[in-house]
Amino acid sequence: MEDNVVHPNCYKHGLEYEDVVAAWENVLAYTIRESFSGDRMVVVGYDTKARPCEVIGLHKSYGWLLIHAMTPPTDKTRLEIAEGRRRW
């Protein structure tokens, strides 16, 4: 079973643990970024307050390390997901 870990960077934009996890688990759309440090999934999902959030997770051996979260999603993230056309 995989575990997800929320990195402290996720709290820089005022979101709480429950908001980050809810947005990660309630995905509306996503895309995969390939990077030198491993695959990253960029998702847009709703938090516990029904706000759209962007969350970025880095795939690790134990599951996903959630490294960034904010609301609302940036235009750059929305465009990146739209171009990837990946929907949950």
PDB file of N, CA and C in Angstrom:
ATOM      1  N   MET A   1       0.834  -1.182   0.000  1.00  0.00           N
ATOM      2  CA  MET A   1       0.000   0.000   0.000  1.00  0.00           C
ATOM      3  C   MET A   1       0.875   1.241   0.000  1.00  0.00           C
ATOM      4  N   GLU A   2       0.527   2.207  -0.822  1.00  0.00           N
ATOM      5  CA  GLU A   2       1.301   3.432  -0.910  1.00  0.00           C
ATOM      6  C   GLU A   2       0.809   4.454   0.104  1.00  0.00           C
ATOM      7  N   ASP A   3       1.748   5.229   0.623  1.00  0.00           N
ATOM      8  CA  ASP A   3       1.423   6.317   1.534  1.00  0.00           C
ATOM      9  C   ASP A   3       1.768   7.638   0.863  1.00  0.00           C
ATOM     10  N   ASN A   4       1.003   8.666   1.185  1.00  0.00           N
ATOM     11  CA  ASN A   4       1.286  10.001   0.703  1.00  0.00           C
ATOM     12  C   ASN A   4       1.769  10.845   1.871  1.00  0.00           C
ATOM     13  N   VAL A   5       2.787  11.654   1.622  1.00  0.00           N
ATOM     14  CA  VAL A   5       3.376  12.504   2.647  1.00  0.00           C
ATOM     15  C   VAL A   5       3.256  13.950   2.182  1.00  0.00           C
ATOM     16  N   VAL A   6       2.811  14.828   3.068  1.00  0.00           N
ATOM     17  CA  VAL A   6       2.679  16.247   2.750  1.00  0.00           C
ATOM     18  C   VAL A   6       3.916  16.980   3.275  1.00  0.00           C
ATOM     19  N   HIS A   7       4.669  17.575   2.356  1.00  0.00           N
ATOM     20  CA  HIS A   7       5.867  18.335   2.705  1.00  0.00           C
ATOM     21  C   HIS A   7       5.445  19.694   3.271  1.00  0.00           C
ATOM     22  N   PRO A   8       6.215  20.252   4.208  1.00  0.00           N
ATOM     23  CA  PRO A   8       5.879  21.559   4.783  1.00  0.00           C
ATOM     24  C   PRO A   8       5.732  22.691   3.758  1.00  0.00           C
ATOM     25  N   ASN A   9       6.365  22.569   2.582  1.00  0.00           N
ATOM     26  CA  ASN A   9       6.206  23.597   1.538  1.00  0.00           C
ATOM     27  C   ASN A   9       4.746  23.782   1.133  1.00  0.00           C
ATOM     28  N   CYS A  10       3.927  22.761   1.313  1.00  0.00           N
ATOM     29  CA  CYS A  10       2.526  22.841   0.911  1.00  0.00           C
ATOM     30  C   CYS A  10       1.746  23.856   1.733  1.00  0.00           C
ATOM     31  N   TYR A  11       2.272  24.258   2.859  1.00  0.00           N
ATOM     32  CA  TYR A  11       1.545  25.168   3.740  1.00  0.00           C
ATOM     33  C   TYR A  11       1.905  26.635   3.517  1.00  0.00           C
ATOM     34  N   LYS A  12       2.824  26.915   2.604  1.00  0.00           N
ATOM     35  CA  LYS A  12       3.295  28.280   2.365  1.00  0.00           C
ATOM     36  C   LYS A  12       2.197  29.210   1.861  1.00  0.00           C
ATOM     37  N   HIS A  13       1.185  28.673   1.199  1.00  0.00           N
ATOM     38  CA  HIS A  13       0.135  29.497   0.604  1.00  0.00           C
ATOM     39  C   HIS A  13      -1.159  29.457   1.411  1.00  0.00           C
ATOM     40  N   GLY A  14      -1.064  29.067   2.682  1.00  0.00           N
ATOM     41  CA  GLY A  14      -2.207  29.146   3.565  1.00  0.00           C
ATOM     42  C   GLY A  14      -3.116  27.933   3.624  1.00  0.00           C
ATOM     43  N   LEU A  15      -2.790  26.874   2.910  1.00  0.00           N
ATOM     44  CA  LEU A  15      -3.608  25.663   2.971  1.00  0.00           C
ATOM     45  C   LEU A  15      -3.211  24.830   4.184  1.00  0.00           C
ATOM     46  N   GLU A  16      -4.153  24.075   4.685  1.00  0.00           N
ATOM     47  CA  GLU A  16      -3.905  23.178   5.801  1.00  0.00           C
ATOM     48  C   GLU A  16      -3.784  21.747   5.282  1.00  0.00           C
ATOM     49  N   TYR A  17      -3.315  20.858   6.145  1.00  0.00           N
ATOM     50  CA  TYR A  17      -3.102  19.459   5.771  1.00  0.00           C
ATOM     51  C   TYR A  17      -4.348  18.858   5.119  1.00  0.00           C
ATOM     52  N   GLU A  18      -5.501  19.025   5.744  1.00  0.00           N
ATOM     53  CA  GLU A  18      -6.746  18.439   5.234  1.00  0.00           C
ATOM     54  C   GLU A  18      -7.091  18.963   3.844  1.00  0.00           C
ATOM     55  N   ASP A  19      -6.800  20.259   3.595  1.00  0.00           N
ATOM     56  CA  ASP A  19      -7.074  20.849   2.288  1.00  0.00           C
ATOM     57  C   ASP A  19      -6.194  20.236   1.202  1.00  0.00           C
ATOM     58  N   VAL A  20      -4.913  20.079   1.527  1.00  0.00           N
ATOM     59  CA  VAL A  20      -3.967  19.520   0.558  1.00  0.00           C
ATOM     60  C   VAL A  20      -4.351  18.083   0.202  1.00  0.00           C
ATOM     61  N   VAL A  21      -4.614  17.275   1.201  1.00  0.00           N
ATOM     62  CA  VAL A  21      -4.967  15.874   0.971  1.00  0.00           C
ATOM     63  C   VAL A  21      -6.293  15.764   0.220  1.00  0.00           C
ATOM     64  N   ALA A  22      -7.277  16.585   0.587  1.00  0.00           N
ATOM     65  CA  ALA A  22      -8.572  16.546  -0.106  1.00  0.00           C
ATOM     66  C   ALA A  22      -8.411  16.907  -1.571  1.00  0.00           C
ATOM     67  N   ALA A  23      -7.631  17.939  -1.876  1.00  0.00           N
ATOM     68  CA  ALA A  23      -7.423  18.326  -3.278  1.00  0.00           C
ATOM     69  C   ALA A  23      -6.697  17.223  -4.051  1.00  0.00           C
ATOM     70  N   TRP A  24      -5.729  16.579  -3.416  1.00  0.00           N
ATOM     71  CA  TRP A  24      -4.989  15.485  -4.058  1.00  0.00           C
ATOM     72  C   TRP A  24      -5.915  14.301  -4.354  1.00  0.00           C
ATOM     73  N   GLU A  25      -6.823  14.019  -3.442  1.00  0.00           N
ATOM     74  CA  GLU A  25      -7.711  12.859  -3.583  1.00  0.00           C
ATOM     75  C   GLU A  25      -8.961  13.149  -4.414  1.00  0.00           C
ATOM     76  N   ASN A  26      -9.315  14.418  -4.592  1.00  0.00           N
ATOM     77  CA  ASN A  26     -10.508  14.805  -5.357  1.00  0.00           C
ATOM     78  C   ASN A  26     -10.106  15.498  -6.647  1.00  0.00           C
ATOM     79  N   VAL A  27      -9.388  14.757  -7.465  1.00  0.00           N
ATOM     80  CA  VAL A  27      -8.787  15.283  -8.687  1.00  0.00           C
ATOM     81  C   VAL A  27      -9.846  15.537  -9.756  1.00  0.00           C
ATOM     82  N   LEU A  28      -9.786  16.736 -10.329  1.00  0.00           N
ATOM     83  CA  LEU A  28     -10.620  17.070 -11.485  1.00  0.00           C
ATOM     84  C   LEU A  28      -9.860  16.825 -12.785  1.00  0.00           C
ATOM     85  N   ALA A  29      -8.585  17.200 -12.781  1.00  0.00           N
ATOM     86  CA  ALA A  29      -7.741  17.044 -13.964  1.00  0.00           C
ATOM     87  C   ALA A  29      -6.293  16.972 -13.508  1.00  0.00           C
ATOM     88  N   TYR A  30      -5.458  16.364 -14.335  1.00  0.00           N
ATOM     89  CA  TYR A  30      -4.050  16.224 -13.969  1.00  0.00           C
ATOM     90  C   TYR A  30      -3.187  16.101 -15.203  1.00  0.00           C
ATOM     91  N   THR A  31      -1.894  16.229 -15.025  1.00  0.00           N
ATOM     92  CA  THR A  31      -0.908  15.955 -16.052  1.00  0.00           C
ATOM     93  C   THR A  31       0.354  15.448 -15.355  1.00  0.00           C
ATOM     94  N   ILE A  32       1.209  14.818 -16.121  1.00  0.00           N
ATOM     95  CA  ILE A  32       2.476  14.284 -15.596  1.00  0.00           C
ATOM     96  C   ILE A  32       3.612  15.134 -16.144  1.00  0.00           C
ATOM     97  N   ARG A  33       4.496  15.551 -15.262  1.00  0.00           N
ATOM     98  CA  ARG A  33       5.729  16.240 -15.650  1.00  0.00           C
ATOM     99  C   ARG A  33       6.874  15.265 -15.470  1.00  0.00           C
ATOM    100  N   GLU A  34       7.677  15.137 -16.482  1.00  0.00           N
ATOM    101  CA  GLU A  34       8.893  14.336 -16.346  1.00  0.00           C
ATOM    102  C   GLU A  34      10.021  15.280 -15.977  1.00  0.00           C
ATOM    103  N   SER A  35      10.790  14.921 -14.945  1.00  0.00           N
ATOM    104  CA  SER A  35      11.888  15.776 -14.519  1.00  0.00           C
ATOM    105  C   SER A  35      13.075  14.924 -14.105  1.00  0.00           C
ATOM    106  N   PHE A  36      14.195  15.579 -13.900  1.00  0.00           N
ATOM    107  CA  PHE A  36      15.411  14.862 -13.504  1.00  0.00           C
ATOM    108  C   PHE A  36      15.266  14.204 -12.142  1.00  0.00           C
ATOM    109  N   SER A  37      14.370  14.729 -11.309  1.00  0.00           N
ATOM    110  CA  SER A  37      14.206  14.175  -9.959  1.00  0.00           C
ATOM    111  C   SER A  37      13.086  13.148  -9.874  1.00  0.00           C
ATOM    112  N   GLY A  38      12.501  12.789 -11.000  1.00  0.00           N
ATOM    113  CA  GLY A  38      11.438  11.792 -11.006  1.00  0.00           C
ATOM    114  C   GLY A  38      10.140  12.364 -11.535  1.00  0.00           C
ATOM    115  N   ASP A  39       9.196  11.493 -11.782  1.00  0.00           N
ATOM    116  CA  ASP A  39       7.915  11.941 -12.309  1.00  0.00           C
ATOM    117  C   ASP A  39       7.144  12.738 -11.264  1.00  0.00           C
ATOM    118  N   ARG A  40       6.536  13.806 -11.738  1.00  0.00           N
ATOM    119  CA  ARG A  40       5.700  14.645 -10.894  1.00  0.00           C
ATOM    120  C   ARG A  40       4.302  14.666 -11.475  1.00  0.00           C
ATOM    121  N   MET A  41       3.319  14.572 -10.622  1.00  0.00           N
ATOM    122  CA  MET A  41       1.947  14.703 -11.073  1.00  0.00           C
ATOM    123  C   MET A  41       1.440  16.061 -10.590  1.00  0.00           C
ATOM    124  N   VAL A  42       0.875  16.809 -11.536  1.00  0.00           N
ATOM    125  CA  VAL A  42       0.289  18.104 -11.239  1.00  0.00           C
ATOM    126  C   VAL A  42      -1.220  17.913 -11.313  1.00  0.00           C
ATOM    127  N   VAL A  43      -1.920  18.186 -10.218  1.00  0.00           N
ATOM    128  CA  VAL A  43      -3.363  17.974 -10.198  1.00  0.00           C
ATOM    129  C   VAL A  43      -4.088  19.260  -9.826  1.00  0.00           C
ATOM    130  N   VAL A  44      -5.314  19.349 -10.286  1.00  0.00           N
ATOM    131  CA  VAL A  44      -6.253  20.358  -9.816  1.00  0.00           C
ATOM    132  C   VAL A  44      -7.411  19.595  -9.213  1.00  0.00           C
ATOM    133  N   GLY A  45      -7.721  19.914  -7.969  1.00  0.00           N
ATOM    134  CA  GLY A  45      -8.804  19.247  -7.266  1.00  0.00           C
ATOM    135  C   GLY A  45      -9.412  20.189  -6.246  1.00  0.00           C
ATOM    136  N   TYR A  46     -10.490  19.767  -5.638  1.00  0.00           N
ATOM    137  CA  TYR A  46     -11.173  20.594  -4.649  1.00  0.00           C
ATOM    138  C   TYR A  46     -10.696  20.268  -3.241  1.00  0.00           C
ATOM    139  N   ASP A  47     -10.500  21.323  -2.439  1.00  0.00           N
ATOM    140  CA  ASP A  47     -10.114  21.129  -1.046  1.00  0.00           C
ATOM    141  C   ASP A  47     -11.357  20.967  -0.179  1.00  0.00           C
ATOM    142  N   THR A  48     -11.185  20.986   1.130  1.00  0.00           N
ATOM    143  CA  THR A  48     -12.305  20.768   2.050  1.00  0.00           C
ATOM    144  C   THR A  48     -13.309  21.905   2.051  1.00  0.00           C
ATOM    145  N   LYS A  49     -12.917  23.045   1.484  1.00  0.00           N
ATOM    146  CA  LYS A  49     -13.809  24.205   1.413  1.00  0.00           C
ATOM    147  C   LYS A  49     -14.371  24.396   0.006  1.00  0.00           C
ATOM    148  N   ALA A  50     -14.242  23.376  -0.841  1.00  0.00           N
ATOM    149  CA  ALA A  50     -14.723  23.382  -2.232  1.00  0.00           C
ATOM    150  C   ALA A  50     -14.013  24.425  -3.088  1.00  0.00           C
ATOM    151  N   ARG A  51     -12.776  24.750  -2.738  1.00  0.00           N
ATOM    152  CA  ARG A  51     -11.970  25.661  -3.545  1.00  0.00           C
ATOM    153  C   ARG A  51     -11.101  24.837  -4.497  1.00  0.00           C
ATOM    154  N   PRO A  52     -10.940  25.281  -5.741  1.00  0.00           N
ATOM    155  CA  PRO A  52     -10.012  24.580  -6.625  1.00  0.00           C
ATOM    156  C   PRO A  52      -8.578  24.860  -6.182  1.00  0.00           C
ATOM    157  N   CYS A  53      -7.775  23.807  -6.126  1.00  0.00           N
ATOM    158  CA  CYS A  53      -6.378  23.917  -5.701  1.00  0.00           C
ATOM    159  C   CYS A  53      -5.494  23.186  -6.688  1.00  0.00           C
ATOM    160  N   GLU A  54      -4.274  23.645  -6.791  1.00  0.00           N
ATOM    161  CA  GLU A  54      -3.270  22.875  -7.523  1.00  0.00           C
ATOM    162  C   GLU A  54      -2.363  22.220  -6.504  1.00  0.00           C
ATOM    163  N   VAL A  55      -2.014  20.980  -6.767  1.00  0.00           N
ATOM    164  CA  VAL A  55      -1.111  20.229  -5.891  1.00  0.00           C
ATOM    165  C   VAL A  55      -0.129  19.494  -6.789  1.00  0.00           C
ATOM    166  N   ILE A  56       1.140  19.532  -6.401  1.00  0.00           N
ATOM    167  CA  ILE A  56       2.176  18.826  -7.148  1.00  0.00           C
ATOM    168  C   ILE A  56       2.757  17.743  -6.247  1.00  0.00           C
ATOM    169  N   GLY A  57       2.797  16.522  -6.781  1.00  0.00           N
ATOM    170  CA  GLY A  57       3.344  15.393  -6.050  1.00  0.00           C
ATOM    171  C   GLY A  57       4.502  14.761  -6.792  1.00  0.00           C
ATOM    172  N   LEU A  58       5.513  14.366  -6.053  1.00  0.00           N
ATOM    173  CA  LEU A  58       6.692  13.687  -6.600  1.00  0.00           C
ATOM    174  C   LEU A  58       6.585  12.218  -6.238  1.00  0.00           C
ATOM    175  N   HIS A  59       6.635  11.341  -7.240  1.00  0.00           N
ATOM    176  CA  HIS A  59       6.480   9.914  -6.980  1.00  0.00           C
ATOM    177  C   HIS A  59       7.736   9.353  -6.331  1.00  0.00           C
ATOM    178  N   LYS A  60       7.528   8.680  -5.208  1.00  0.00           N
ATOM    179  CA  LYS A  60       8.611   8.047  -4.454  1.00  0.00           C
ATOM    180  C   LYS A  60       8.297   6.568  -4.287  1.00  0.00           C
ATOM    181  N   SER A  61       9.222   5.805  -3.734  1.00  0.00           N
ATOM    182  CA  SER A  61       9.013   4.371  -3.548  1.00  0.00           C
ATOM    183  C   SER A  61       7.879   4.070  -2.572  1.00  0.00           C
ATOM    184  N   TYR A  62       7.629   4.948  -1.618  1.00  0.00           N
ATOM    185  CA  TYR A  62       6.591   4.732  -0.607  1.00  0.00           C
ATOM    186  C   TYR A  62       5.228   5.289  -1.004  1.00  0.00           C
ATOM    187  N   GLY A  63       5.185   6.058  -2.089  1.00  0.00           N
ATOM    188  CA  GLY A  63       3.935   6.694  -2.515  1.00  0.00           C
ATOM    189  C   GLY A  63       4.236   8.047  -3.124  1.00  0.00           C
ATOM    190  N   TRP A  64       3.451   9.051  -2.771  1.00  0.00           N
ATOM    191  CA  TRP A  64       3.620  10.391  -3.321  1.00  0.00           C
ATOM    192  C   TRP A  64       4.042  11.351  -2.220  1.00  0.00           C
ATOM    193  N   LEU A  65       5.051  12.165  -2.527  1.00  0.00           N
ATOM    194  CA  LEU A  65       5.472  13.254  -1.670  1.00  0.00           C
ATOM    195  C   LEU A  65       4.851  14.518  -2.243  1.00  0.00           C
ATOM    196  N   LEU A  66       3.876  15.084  -1.556  1.00  0.00           N
ATOM    197  CA  LEU A  66       3.198  16.290  -2.022  1.00  0.00           C
ATOM    198  C   LEU A  66       4.071  17.475  -1.655  1.00  0.00           C
ATOM    199  N   ILE A  67       4.556  18.190  -2.677  1.00  0.00           N
ATOM    200  CA  ILE A  67       5.593  19.198  -2.456  1.00  0.00           C
ATOM    201  C   ILE A  67       5.122  20.631  -2.671  1.00  0.00           C
ATOM    202  N   HIS A  68       3.950  20.823  -3.244  1.00  0.00           N
ATOM    203  CA  HIS A  68       3.461  22.178  -3.513  1.00  0.00           C
ATOM    204  C   HIS A  68       1.942  22.154  -3.536  1.00  0.00           C
ATOM    205  N   ALA A  69       1.337  23.198  -2.966  1.00  0.00           N
ATOM    206  CA  ALA A  69      -0.121  23.317  -3.015  1.00  0.00           C
ATOM    207  C   ALA A  69      -0.495  24.788  -2.898  1.00  0.00           C
ATOM    208  N   MET A  70      -1.502  25.189  -3.665  1.00  0.00           N
ATOM    209  CA  MET A  70      -1.992  26.555  -3.578  1.00  0.00           C
ATOM    210  C   MET A  70      -3.380  26.660  -4.183  1.00  0.00           C
ATOM    211  N   THR A  71      -4.078  27.722  -3.812  1.00  0.00           N
ATOM    212  CA  THR A  71      -5.377  28.027  -4.383  1.00  0.00           C
ATOM    213  C   THR A  71      -5.425  29.518  -4.663  1.00  0.00           C
ATOM    214  N   PRO A  72      -5.955  29.911  -5.800  1.00  0.00           N
ATOM    215  CA  PRO A  72      -6.453  29.086  -6.893  1.00  0.00           C
ATOM    216  C   PRO A  72      -5.297  28.592  -7.759  1.00  0.00           C
ATOM    217  N   PRO A  73      -5.560  27.626  -8.635  1.00  0.00           N
ATOM    218  CA  PRO A  73      -4.524  27.166  -9.552  1.00  0.00           C
ATOM    219  C   PRO A  73      -4.077  28.310 -10.463  1.00  0.00           C
ATOM    220  N   THR A  74      -2.806  28.318 -10.788  1.00  0.00           N
ATOM    221  CA  THR A  74      -2.287  29.363 -11.670  1.00  0.00           C
ATOM    222  C   THR A  74      -2.750  29.121 -13.106  1.00  0.00           C
ATOM    223  N   ASP A  75      -2.724  30.191 -13.891  1.00  0.00           N
ATOM    224  CA  ASP A  75      -3.067  30.068 -15.313  1.00  0.00           C
ATOM    225  C   ASP A  75      -2.096  29.123 -16.007  1.00  0.00           C
ATOM    226  N   LYS A  76      -0.826  29.161 -15.608  1.00  0.00           N
ATOM    227  CA  LYS A  76       0.186  28.276 -16.192  1.00  0.00           C
ATOM    228  C   LYS A  76      -0.185  26.810 -15.953  1.00  0.00           C
ATOM    229  N   THR A  77      -0.606  26.490 -14.732  1.00  0.00           N
ATOM    230  CA  THR A  77      -0.993  25.110 -14.415  1.00  0.00           C
ATOM    231  C   THR A  77      -2.233  24.708 -15.201  1.00  0.00           C
ATOM    232  N   ARG A  78      -3.215  25.592 -15.267  1.00  0.00           N
ATOM    233  CA  ARG A  78      -4.433  25.292 -16.033  1.00  0.00           C
ATOM    234  C   ARG A  78      -4.100  25.009 -17.495  1.00  0.00           C
ATOM    235  N   LEU A  79      -3.215  25.826 -18.085  1.00  0.00           N
ATOM    236  CA  LEU A  79      -2.827  25.630 -19.476  1.00  0.00           C
ATOM    237  C   LEU A  79      -2.059  24.325 -19.655  1.00  0.00           C
ATOM    238  N   GLU A  80      -1.145  24.046 -18.737  1.00  0.00           N
ATOM    239  CA  GLU A  80      -0.364  22.807 -18.806  1.00  0.00           C
ATOM    240  C   GLU A  80      -1.278  21.582 -18.772  1.00  0.00           C
ATOM    241  N   ILE A  81      -2.266  21.595 -17.904  1.00  0.00           N
ATOM    242  CA  ILE A  81      -3.196  20.474 -17.823  1.00  0.00           C
ATOM    243  C   ILE A  81      -4.070  20.396 -19.062  1.00  0.00           C
ATOM    244  N   ALA A  82      -4.528  21.542 -19.551  1.00  0.00           N
ATOM    245  CA  ALA A  82      -5.358  21.566 -20.755  1.00  0.00           C
ATOM    246  C   ALA A  82      -4.592  21.009 -21.957  1.00  0.00           C
ATOM    247  N   GLU A  83      -3.325  21.347 -22.064  1.00  0.00           N
ATOM    248  CA  GLU A  83      -2.508  20.844 -23.170  1.00  0.00           C
ATOM    249  C   GLU A  83      -2.260  19.348 -23.046  1.00  0.00           C
ATOM    250  N   GLY A  84      -2.146  18.860 -21.804  1.00  0.00           N
ATOM    251  CA  GLY A  84      -1.951  17.425 -21.580  1.00  0.00           C
ATOM    252  C   GLY A  84      -3.222  16.633 -21.773  1.00  0.00           C
ATOM    253  N   ARG A  85      -4.358  17.313 -21.636  1.00  0.00           N
ATOM    254  CA  ARG A  85      -5.685  16.721 -21.816  1.00  0.00           C
ATOM    255  C   ARG A  85      -5.879  15.445 -20.993  1.00  0.00           C
ATOM    256  N   ARG A  86      -5.351  15.440 -19.797  1.00  0.00           N
ATOM    257  CA  ARG A  86      -5.552  14.282 -18.915  1.00  0.00           C
ATOM    258  C   ARG A  86      -6.595  14.640 -17.884  1.00  0.00           C
ATOM    259  N   ARG A  87      -7.621  13.871 -17.842  1.00  0.00           N
ATOM    260  CA  ARG A  87      -8.703  14.108 -16.901  1.00  0.00           C
ATOM    261  C   ARG A  87      -8.926  12.852 -16.081  1.00  0.00           C
ATOM    262  N   TRP A  88      -9.292  13.020 -14.849  1.00  0.00           N
ATOM    263  CA  TRP A  88      -9.517  11.907 -13.945  1.00  0.00           C
ATOM    264  C   TRP A  88     -10.789  11.210 -14.273  1.00  0.00           C
TER     265      TRP A  88
END
